[in-house]
Amino acid sequence: QVQLVESGGELVQAGGSLKLSCTGSGRTLSIHAVGWFRQAPGKDREFVAGTNWNGVRPYYANSVKGRFTISRDNLKNTVYLEMNGLKPEDTAVYYCAAEASLRAVVRTTPTDYDYWGQGTQVTVAS
């Protein structure tokens, strides 16, 4: 079992930056792929960014490519999502999720992930 806790979400002005953290406990995250997803009111949960177990192959949704960066520190059991150039359409609850996997390829479907955090709210004001 892995427990995930997200933090770092807050209200920010358009064009601003935030850095979200996802910290795992219970089992090491170093053998897990980790994805960030988001869900806006009335919309489906969507993939934002993901990293495989060693962080070599990050993958991004087209909507955030070039603005968001995912990274991981396996010694701290933490995965980060650095978000720059935030837009009002980035407003959502952001979730991190983990999948016990040593695959090189990051998966983007929520049902592929076994463990989820409780989410952190990101609000971007125009």
C-alpha atoms as a PDB file:
ATOM      1  CA  GLN A   1       0.000   0.000   0.000  1.00  0.00           C
ATOM      2  CA  VAL A   2       1.112   3.515  -0.786  1.00  0.00           C
ATOM      3  CA  GLN A   3      -0.408   6.598   0.763  1.00  0.00           C
ATOM      4  CA  LEU A   4      -0.054   9.809  -1.234  1.00  0.00           C
ATOM      5  CA  VAL A   5      -0.412  13.364  -0.002  1.00  0.00           C
ATOM      6  CA  GLU A   6      -0.441  16.351  -2.339  1.00  0.00           C
ATOM      7  CA  SER A   7       0.393  19.883  -1.288  1.00  0.00           C
ATOM      8  CA  GLY A   8       1.165  23.246  -2.787  1.00  0.00           C
ATOM      9  CA  GLY A   9      -2.096  24.208  -4.389  1.00  0.00           C
ATOM     10  CA  GLU A  10      -3.368  27.752  -3.918  1.00  0.00           C
ATOM     11  CA  LEU A  11      -4.859  30.784  -5.616  1.00  0.00           C
ATOM     12  CA  VAL A  12      -2.490  32.397  -8.123  1.00  0.00           C
ATOM     13  CA  GLN A  13      -2.766  35.069 -10.798  1.00  0.00           C
ATOM     14  CA  ALA A  14      -2.640  34.158 -14.468  1.00  0.00           C
ATOM     15  CA  GLY A  15       0.961  33.939 -15.623  1.00  0.00           C
ATOM     16  CA  GLY A  16       2.122  32.908 -12.184  1.00  0.00           C
ATOM     17  CA  SER A  17       3.823  29.755 -10.978  1.00  0.00           C
ATOM     18  CA  LEU A  18       3.216  27.014  -8.449  1.00  0.00           C
ATOM     19  CA  LYS A  19       5.061  23.898  -7.403  1.00  0.00           C
ATOM     20  CA  LEU A  20       2.993  20.948  -6.257  1.00  0.00           C
ATOM     21  CA  SER A  21       4.403  18.107  -4.200  1.00  0.00           C
ATOM     22  CA  CYS A  22       3.244  14.520  -3.907  1.00  0.00           C
ATOM     23  CA  THR A  23       4.779  12.663  -0.998  1.00  0.00           C
ATOM     24  CA  GLY A  24       4.405   8.944  -0.555  1.00  0.00           C
ATOM     25  CA  SER A  25       4.435   6.818   2.558  1.00  0.00           C
ATOM     26  CA  GLY A  26       3.988   3.165   3.295  1.00  0.00           C
ATOM     27  CA  ARG A  27       6.017   1.819   0.400  1.00  0.00           C
ATOM     28  CA  THR A  28       8.793   3.474  -1.517  1.00  0.00           C
ATOM     29  CA  LEU A  29       7.748   5.432  -4.583  1.00  0.00           C
ATOM     30  CA  SER A  30      10.964   4.453  -6.318  1.00  0.00           C
ATOM     31  CA  ILE A  31       9.301   1.406  -7.900  1.00  0.00           C
ATOM     32  CA  HIS A  32       6.218   3.322  -8.928  1.00  0.00           C
ATOM     33  CA  ALA A  33       5.304   5.378 -11.914  1.00  0.00           C
ATOM     34  CA  VAL A  34       3.615   8.552 -10.763  1.00  0.00           C
ATOM     35  CA  GLY A  35       1.141  10.665 -12.645  1.00  0.00           C
ATOM     36  CA  TRP A  36      -0.459  14.020 -12.033  1.00  0.00           C
ATOM     37  CA  PHE A  37      -4.089  14.367 -13.031  1.00  0.00           C
ATOM     38  CA  ARG A  38      -6.553  17.197 -12.667  1.00  0.00           C
ATOM     39  CA  GLN A  39     -10.282  17.539 -12.523  1.00  0.00           C
ATOM     40  CA  ALA A  40     -12.215  20.731 -13.074  1.00  0.00           C
ATOM     41  CA  PRO A  41     -15.863  21.057 -12.016  1.00  0.00           C
ATOM     42  CA  GLY A  42     -18.149  19.204 -14.404  1.00  0.00           C
ATOM     43  CA  LYS A  43     -15.263  17.675 -16.320  1.00  0.00           C
ATOM     44  CA  ASP A  44     -13.600  14.284 -16.394  1.00  0.00           C
ATOM     45  CA  ARG A  45     -10.315  13.692 -14.660  1.00  0.00           C
ATOM     46  CA  GLU A  46      -7.534  14.259 -17.154  1.00  0.00           C
ATOM     47  CA  PHE A  47      -3.878  13.342 -17.356  1.00  0.00           C
ATOM     48  CA  VAL A  48      -1.444  16.210 -16.915  1.00  0.00           C
ATOM     49  CA  ALA A  49       2.054  14.736 -16.561  1.00  0.00           C
ATOM     50  CA  GLY A  50       3.721  11.518 -15.555  1.00  0.00           C
ATOM     51  CA  THR A  51       7.088  10.094 -14.706  1.00  0.00           C
ATOM     52  CA  ASN A  52       8.222   6.520 -14.842  1.00  0.00           C
ATOM     53  CA  TRP A  53       9.967   4.926 -11.884  1.00  0.00           C
ATOM     54  CA  ASN A  54      13.398   6.448 -12.535  1.00  0.00           C
ATOM     55  CA  GLY A  55      12.262   9.768 -13.934  1.00  0.00           C
ATOM     56  CA  VAL A  56      13.995   9.266 -17.258  1.00  0.00           C
ATOM     57  CA  ARG A  57      10.907   9.515 -19.452  1.00  0.00           C
ATOM     58  CA  PRO A  58       8.522  12.248 -18.357  1.00  0.00           C
ATOM     59  CA  TYR A  59       5.400  12.649 -20.435  1.00  0.00           C
ATOM     60  CA  TYR A  60       3.080  15.609 -20.690  1.00  0.00           C
ATOM     61  CA  ALA A  61      -0.360  16.414 -21.947  1.00  0.00           C
ATOM     62  CA  ASN A  62      -0.225  18.737 -24.938  1.00  0.00           C
ATOM     63  CA  SER A  63      -2.067  21.403 -22.979  1.00  0.00           C
ATOM     64  CA  VAL A  64       0.764  21.765 -20.468  1.00  0.00           C
ATOM     65  CA  LYS A  65       3.813  20.875 -22.529  1.00  0.00           C
ATOM     66  CA  GLY A  66       6.453  23.550 -22.234  1.00  0.00           C
ATOM     67  CA  ARG A  67       4.824  25.085 -19.145  1.00  0.00           C
ATOM     68  CA  PHE A  68       4.799  22.233 -16.602  1.00  0.00           C
ATOM     69  CA  THR A  69       7.709  20.097 -15.447  1.00  0.00           C
ATOM     70  CA  ILE A  70       7.440  16.864 -13.509  1.00  0.00           C
ATOM     71  CA  SER A  71      10.365  15.641 -11.448  1.00  0.00           C
ATOM     72  CA  ARG A  72      10.981  13.181  -8.683  1.00  0.00           C
ATOM     73  CA  ASP A  73      13.284  12.747  -5.724  1.00  0.00           C
ATOM     74  CA  ASN A  74      13.171   9.091  -4.780  1.00  0.00           C
ATOM     75  CA  LEU A  75      15.270   9.698  -1.669  1.00  0.00           C
ATOM     76  CA  LYS A  76      12.535  11.998  -0.399  1.00  0.00           C
ATOM     77  CA  ASN A  77       9.774   9.748  -1.759  1.00  0.00           C
ATOM     78  CA  THR A  78       8.354  12.823  -3.457  1.00  0.00           C
ATOM     79  CA  VAL A  79       7.260  13.784  -6.945  1.00  0.00           C
ATOM     80  CA  TYR A  80       6.899  17.415  -7.959  1.00  0.00           C
ATOM     81  CA  LEU A  81       4.903  19.283 -10.548  1.00  0.00           C
ATOM     82  CA  GLU A  82       6.305  22.689 -11.337  1.00  0.00           C
ATOM     83  CA  MET A  83       3.755  24.824 -13.139  1.00  0.00           C
ATOM     84  CA  ASN A  84       4.686  28.023 -14.934  1.00  0.00           C
ATOM     85  CA  GLY A  85       2.684  30.361 -17.120  1.00  0.00           C
ATOM     86  CA  LEU A  86      -0.522  29.343 -15.412  1.00  0.00           C
ATOM     87  CA  LYS A  87      -3.783  30.027 -17.196  1.00  0.00           C
ATOM     88  CA  PRO A  88      -7.346  30.207 -15.859  1.00  0.00           C
ATOM     89  CA  GLU A  89      -8.082  26.949 -17.670  1.00  0.00           C
ATOM     90  CA  ASP A  90      -5.522  25.232 -15.439  1.00  0.00           C
ATOM     91  CA  THR A  91      -7.898  25.720 -12.526  1.00  0.00           C
ATOM     92  CA  ALA A  92      -8.752  22.302 -11.084  1.00  0.00           C
ATOM     93  CA  VAL A  93      -8.162  19.899  -8.256  1.00  0.00           C
ATOM     94  CA  TYR A  94      -4.809  18.279  -8.913  1.00  0.00           C
ATOM     95  CA  TYR A  95      -4.265  14.671  -7.914  1.00  0.00           C
ATOM     96  CA  CYS A  96      -1.188  12.516  -7.902  1.00  0.00           C
ATOM     97  CA  ALA A  97      -1.455   8.803  -8.502  1.00  0.00           C
ATOM     98  CA  ALA A  98       0.975   5.907  -8.350  1.00  0.00           C
ATOM     99  CA  GLU A  99       1.267   2.635 -10.180  1.00  0.00           C
ATOM    100  CA  ALA A 100       3.678  -0.092  -9.125  1.00  0.00           C
ATOM    101  CA  SER A 101       5.537  -0.360 -12.412  1.00  0.00           C
ATOM    102  CA  LEU A 102       9.017  -0.506 -13.825  1.00  0.00           C
ATOM    103  CA  ARG A 103       7.799   0.167 -17.350  1.00  0.00           C
ATOM    104  CA  ALA A 104       9.616   2.792 -19.353  1.00  0.00           C
ATOM    105  CA  VAL A 105       6.372   4.199 -20.735  1.00  0.00           C
ATOM    106  CA  VAL A 106       4.096   6.391 -18.633  1.00  0.00           C
ATOM    107  CA  ARG A 107       0.419   5.532 -18.753  1.00  0.00           C
ATOM    108  CA  THR A 108      -2.198   8.245 -19.007  1.00  0.00           C
ATOM    109  CA  THR A 109      -5.493   6.589 -18.063  1.00  0.00           C
ATOM    110  CA  PRO A 110      -6.695   7.075 -14.486  1.00  0.00           C
ATOM    111  CA  THR A 111      -7.777   3.446 -14.155  1.00  0.00           C
ATOM    112  CA  ASP A 112      -4.179   2.323 -14.732  1.00  0.00           C
ATOM    113  CA  TYR A 113      -3.159   3.783 -11.380  1.00  0.00           C
ATOM    114  CA  ASP A 114      -3.540   1.967  -8.094  1.00  0.00           C
ATOM    115  CA  TYR A 115      -3.095   4.675  -5.482  1.00  0.00           C
ATOM    116  CA  TRP A 116      -4.426   8.225  -5.293  1.00  0.00           C
ATOM    117  CA  GLY A 117      -3.979  11.237  -3.094  1.00  0.00           C
ATOM    118  CA  GLN A 118      -6.786  13.413  -1.834  1.00  0.00           C
ATOM    119  CA  GLY A 119      -6.055  16.276  -4.216  1.00  0.00           C
ATOM    120  CA  THR A 120      -4.974  19.892  -3.899  1.00  0.00           C
ATOM    121  CA  GLN A 121      -6.887  22.857  -5.308  1.00  0.00           C
ATOM    122  CA  VAL A 122      -5.222  25.100  -7.868  1.00  0.00           C
ATOM    123  CA  THR A 123      -7.113  28.246  -8.790  1.00  0.00           C
ATOM    124  CA  VAL A 124      -5.807  30.612 -11.442  1.00  0.00           C
ATOM    125  CA  ALA A 125      -7.410  34.032 -11.464  1.00  0.00           C
ATOM    126  CA  SER A 126      -7.591  36.014 -14.682  1.00  0.00           C
END
